[in-house]
Amino acid sequence: MYDVLNELNKTTGITGSMVVGHDGIVIAADLDESFEGDTIGALAASITANIQKSLDRLKTTPLKQVTIEADEGKLFFTDAGLGILVVTTEKSVNIGLIRLEIKNAISKLKVNA
């Protein structure tokens, strides 16, 4: 799992990545030192759970990905089956490339699970 995160982090614009359980517990992390993994894990679990509840009320398909854009960068929360893949990026990134790399990483995580 750490190999997949390390490889993902080599993508231009990605500053860190981690996998957290749906309960917010960190499973594996390769984050920049400026991020607190436990805090981001709890945030990812809370946000995705609340959005999923809203989607359930709308009777729509399961949550796949949430993207948060802030002044300092972007956060991607993506359902990886075993948990949530969290990716942090610089503010100016190629979002299409990031989403493609996230998709590839999730495929590798599912094979290794």
C-alpha atoms as a PDB file:
ATOM      1  CA  MET A   1       0.000   0.000   0.000  1.00  0.00           C
ATOM      2  CA  TYR A   2       2.818   2.395   0.860  1.00  0.00           C
ATOM      3  CA  ASP A   3       4.379   1.671  -2.544  1.00  0.00           C
ATOM      4  CA  VAL A   4       1.172   2.750  -4.290  1.00  0.00           C
ATOM      5  CA  LEU A   5       1.020   5.982  -2.261  1.00  0.00           C
ATOM      6  CA  ASN A   6       4.696   6.700  -2.878  1.00  0.00           C
ATOM      7  CA  GLU A   7       4.254   6.213  -6.621  1.00  0.00           C
ATOM      8  CA  LEU A   8       1.130   8.390  -6.649  1.00  0.00           C
ATOM      9  CA  ASN A   9       3.031  11.168  -4.874  1.00  0.00           C
ATOM     10  CA  LYS A  10       5.530  11.311  -7.744  1.00  0.00           C
ATOM     11  CA  THR A  11       2.800  12.829  -9.942  1.00  0.00           C
ATOM     12  CA  THR A  12       3.404  16.507 -10.652  1.00  0.00           C
ATOM     13  CA  GLY A  13       1.309  18.641  -8.298  1.00  0.00           C
ATOM     14  CA  ILE A  14       0.514  15.950  -5.728  1.00  0.00           C
ATOM     15  CA  THR A  15       1.845  16.845  -2.282  1.00  0.00           C
ATOM     16  CA  GLY A  16       0.669  13.777  -0.356  1.00  0.00           C
ATOM     17  CA  SER A  17      -1.706  10.850  -0.153  1.00  0.00           C
ATOM     18  CA  MET A  18      -3.214   8.507   2.381  1.00  0.00           C
ATOM     19  CA  VAL A  19      -5.799   5.791   2.816  1.00  0.00           C
ATOM     20  CA  VAL A  20      -8.221   6.100   5.717  1.00  0.00           C
ATOM     21  CA  GLY A  21     -10.994   3.795   6.844  1.00  0.00           C
ATOM     22  CA  HIS A  22     -14.574   4.948   6.540  1.00  0.00           C
ATOM     23  CA  ASP A  23     -14.342   5.522  10.300  1.00  0.00           C
ATOM     24  CA  GLY A  24     -11.502   8.051   9.822  1.00  0.00           C
ATOM     25  CA  ILE A  25      -8.710   5.813  11.135  1.00  0.00           C
ATOM     26  CA  VAL A  26      -5.494   6.178   9.105  1.00  0.00           C
ATOM     27  CA  ILE A  27      -4.574   2.922   7.334  1.00  0.00           C
ATOM     28  CA  ALA A  28      -1.497   4.214   5.477  1.00  0.00           C
ATOM     29  CA  ALA A  29      -0.107   7.688   4.849  1.00  0.00           C
ATOM     30  CA  ASP A  30       2.582   9.391   2.827  1.00  0.00           C
ATOM     31  CA  LEU A  31       1.833  13.027   3.590  1.00  0.00           C
ATOM     32  CA  ASP A  32       3.845  16.211   3.716  1.00  0.00           C
ATOM     33  CA  GLU A  33       4.903  17.062   7.284  1.00  0.00           C
ATOM     34  CA  SER A  34       2.657  20.133   7.284  1.00  0.00           C
ATOM     35  CA  PHE A  35      -0.455  17.910   7.316  1.00  0.00           C
ATOM     36  CA  GLU A  36      -1.814  16.106  10.358  1.00  0.00           C
ATOM     37  CA  GLY A  37      -2.878  12.681   9.108  1.00  0.00           C
ATOM     38  CA  ASP A  38      -5.357  12.012  11.910  1.00  0.00           C
ATOM     39  CA  THR A  39      -7.097  15.340  11.313  1.00  0.00           C
ATOM     40  CA  ILE A  40      -7.335  14.835   7.562  1.00  0.00           C
ATOM     41  CA  GLY A  41      -8.548  11.258   8.087  1.00  0.00           C
ATOM     42  CA  ALA A  42     -11.347  12.383  10.375  1.00  0.00           C
ATOM     43  CA  LEU A  43     -12.244  15.205   7.985  1.00  0.00           C
ATOM     44  CA  ALA A  44     -12.377  12.833   4.994  1.00  0.00           C
ATOM     45  CA  ALA A  45     -14.596  10.336   6.812  1.00  0.00           C
ATOM     46  CA  SER A  46     -16.956  13.023   8.086  1.00  0.00           C
ATOM     47  CA  ILE A  47     -17.319  14.824   4.756  1.00  0.00           C
ATOM     48  CA  THR A  48     -17.799  11.684   2.681  1.00  0.00           C
ATOM     49  CA  ALA A  49     -20.309  10.210   5.165  1.00  0.00           C
ATOM     50  CA  ASN A  50     -22.397  13.395   5.133  1.00  0.00           C
ATOM     51  CA  ILE A  51     -22.358  13.629   1.349  1.00  0.00           C
ATOM     52  CA  GLN A  52     -23.270   9.942   1.051  1.00  0.00           C
ATOM     53  CA  LYS A  53     -26.277  10.503   3.348  1.00  0.00           C
ATOM     54  CA  SER A  54     -27.407  13.332   1.067  1.00  0.00           C
ATOM     55  CA  LEU A  55     -26.955  11.153  -2.013  1.00  0.00           C
ATOM     56  CA  ASP A  56     -28.963   8.388  -0.328  1.00  0.00           C
ATOM     57  CA  ARG A  57     -31.831  10.821   0.213  1.00  0.00           C
ATOM     58  CA  LEU A  58     -31.669  11.726  -3.476  1.00  0.00           C
ATOM     59  CA  LYS A  59     -31.671   8.015  -4.368  1.00  0.00           C
ATOM     60  CA  THR A  60     -28.620   8.425  -6.580  1.00  0.00           C
ATOM     61  CA  THR A  61     -25.528   6.295  -7.138  1.00  0.00           C
ATOM     62  CA  PRO A  62     -22.903   5.851  -4.414  1.00  0.00           C
ATOM     63  CA  LEU A  63     -20.357   8.570  -3.796  1.00  0.00           C
ATOM     64  CA  LYS A  64     -17.260   8.191  -5.951  1.00  0.00           C
ATOM     65  CA  GLN A  65     -15.193  11.319  -5.370  1.00  0.00           C
ATOM     66  CA  VAL A  66     -15.258  14.671  -3.589  1.00  0.00           C
ATOM     67  CA  THR A  67     -12.948  17.511  -4.592  1.00  0.00           C
ATOM     68  CA  ILE A  68     -12.357  20.463  -2.284  1.00  0.00           C
ATOM     69  CA  GLU A  69     -10.637  23.552  -3.642  1.00  0.00           C
ATOM     70  CA  ALA A  70      -9.041  25.968  -1.180  1.00  0.00           C
ATOM     71  CA  ASP A  71      -6.597  28.863  -1.450  1.00  0.00           C
ATOM     72  CA  GLU A  72      -3.587  26.691  -0.642  1.00  0.00           C
ATOM     73  CA  GLY A  73      -4.471  23.618  -2.709  1.00  0.00           C
ATOM     74  CA  LYS A  74      -6.961  20.895  -3.430  1.00  0.00           C
ATOM     75  CA  LEU A  75      -8.121  17.769  -1.578  1.00  0.00           C
ATOM     76  CA  PHE A  76      -9.503  14.724  -3.366  1.00  0.00           C
ATOM     77  CA  PHE A  77     -11.471  12.143  -1.349  1.00  0.00           C
ATOM     78  CA  THR A  78     -12.133   9.025  -3.438  1.00  0.00           C
ATOM     79  CA  ASP A  79     -13.864   5.793  -2.456  1.00  0.00           C
ATOM     80  CA  ALA A  80     -11.259   3.037  -2.701  1.00  0.00           C
ATOM     81  CA  GLY A  81     -13.424   0.171  -1.468  1.00  0.00           C
ATOM     82  CA  LEU A  82     -11.296  -0.636   1.582  1.00  0.00           C
ATOM     83  CA  GLY A  83     -11.455   3.014   2.615  1.00  0.00           C
ATOM     84  CA  ILE A  84     -11.027   6.527   1.301  1.00  0.00           C
ATOM     85  CA  LEU A  85      -8.030   7.533  -0.792  1.00  0.00           C
ATOM     86  CA  VAL A  86      -7.112  11.091   0.161  1.00  0.00           C
ATOM     87  CA  VAL A  87      -4.862  13.085  -2.163  1.00  0.00           C
ATOM     88  CA  THR A  88      -3.560  16.573  -1.424  1.00  0.00           C
ATOM     89  CA  THR A  89      -2.325  18.783  -4.248  1.00  0.00           C
ATOM     90  CA  GLU A  90      -0.934  22.181  -5.077  1.00  0.00           C
ATOM     91  CA  LYS A  91      -3.535  24.782  -6.011  1.00  0.00           C
ATOM     92  CA  SER A  92      -2.674  24.825  -9.730  1.00  0.00           C
ATOM     93  CA  VAL A  93      -2.771  21.228 -10.928  1.00  0.00           C
ATOM     94  CA  ASN A  94      -4.031  19.383 -13.959  1.00  0.00           C
ATOM     95  CA  ILE A  95      -7.214  17.980 -12.428  1.00  0.00           C
ATOM     96  CA  GLY A  96      -7.680  15.485 -15.269  1.00  0.00           C
ATOM     97  CA  LEU A  97      -4.207  14.055 -14.689  1.00  0.00           C
ATOM     98  CA  ILE A  98      -4.778  13.867 -10.930  1.00  0.00           C
ATOM     99  CA  ARG A  99      -8.082  12.013 -11.410  1.00  0.00           C
ATOM    100  CA  LEU A 100      -6.447   9.574 -13.828  1.00  0.00           C
ATOM    101  CA  GLU A 101      -3.605   8.876 -11.395  1.00  0.00           C
ATOM    102  CA  ILE A 102      -6.098   8.426  -8.551  1.00  0.00           C
ATOM    103  CA  LYS A 103      -8.036   5.906 -10.672  1.00  0.00           C
ATOM    104  CA  ASN A 104      -4.821   4.002 -11.415  1.00  0.00           C
ATOM    105  CA  ALA A 105      -3.809   4.016  -7.730  1.00  0.00           C
ATOM    106  CA  ILE A 106      -7.203   2.674  -6.666  1.00  0.00           C
ATOM    107  CA  SER A 107      -6.890  -0.174  -9.180  1.00  0.00           C
ATOM    108  CA  LYS A 108      -3.511  -1.069  -7.683  1.00  0.00           C
ATOM    109  CA  LEU A 109      -4.853  -0.828  -4.125  1.00  0.00           C
ATOM    110  CA  LYS A 110      -7.725  -3.194  -4.955  1.00  0.00           C
ATOM    111  CA  VAL A 111      -5.312  -5.727  -6.490  1.00  0.00           C
ATOM    112  CA  ASN A 112      -3.047  -5.596  -3.416  1.00  0.00           C
ATOM    113  CA  ALA A 113      -5.937  -5.821  -0.918  1.00  0.00           C
END
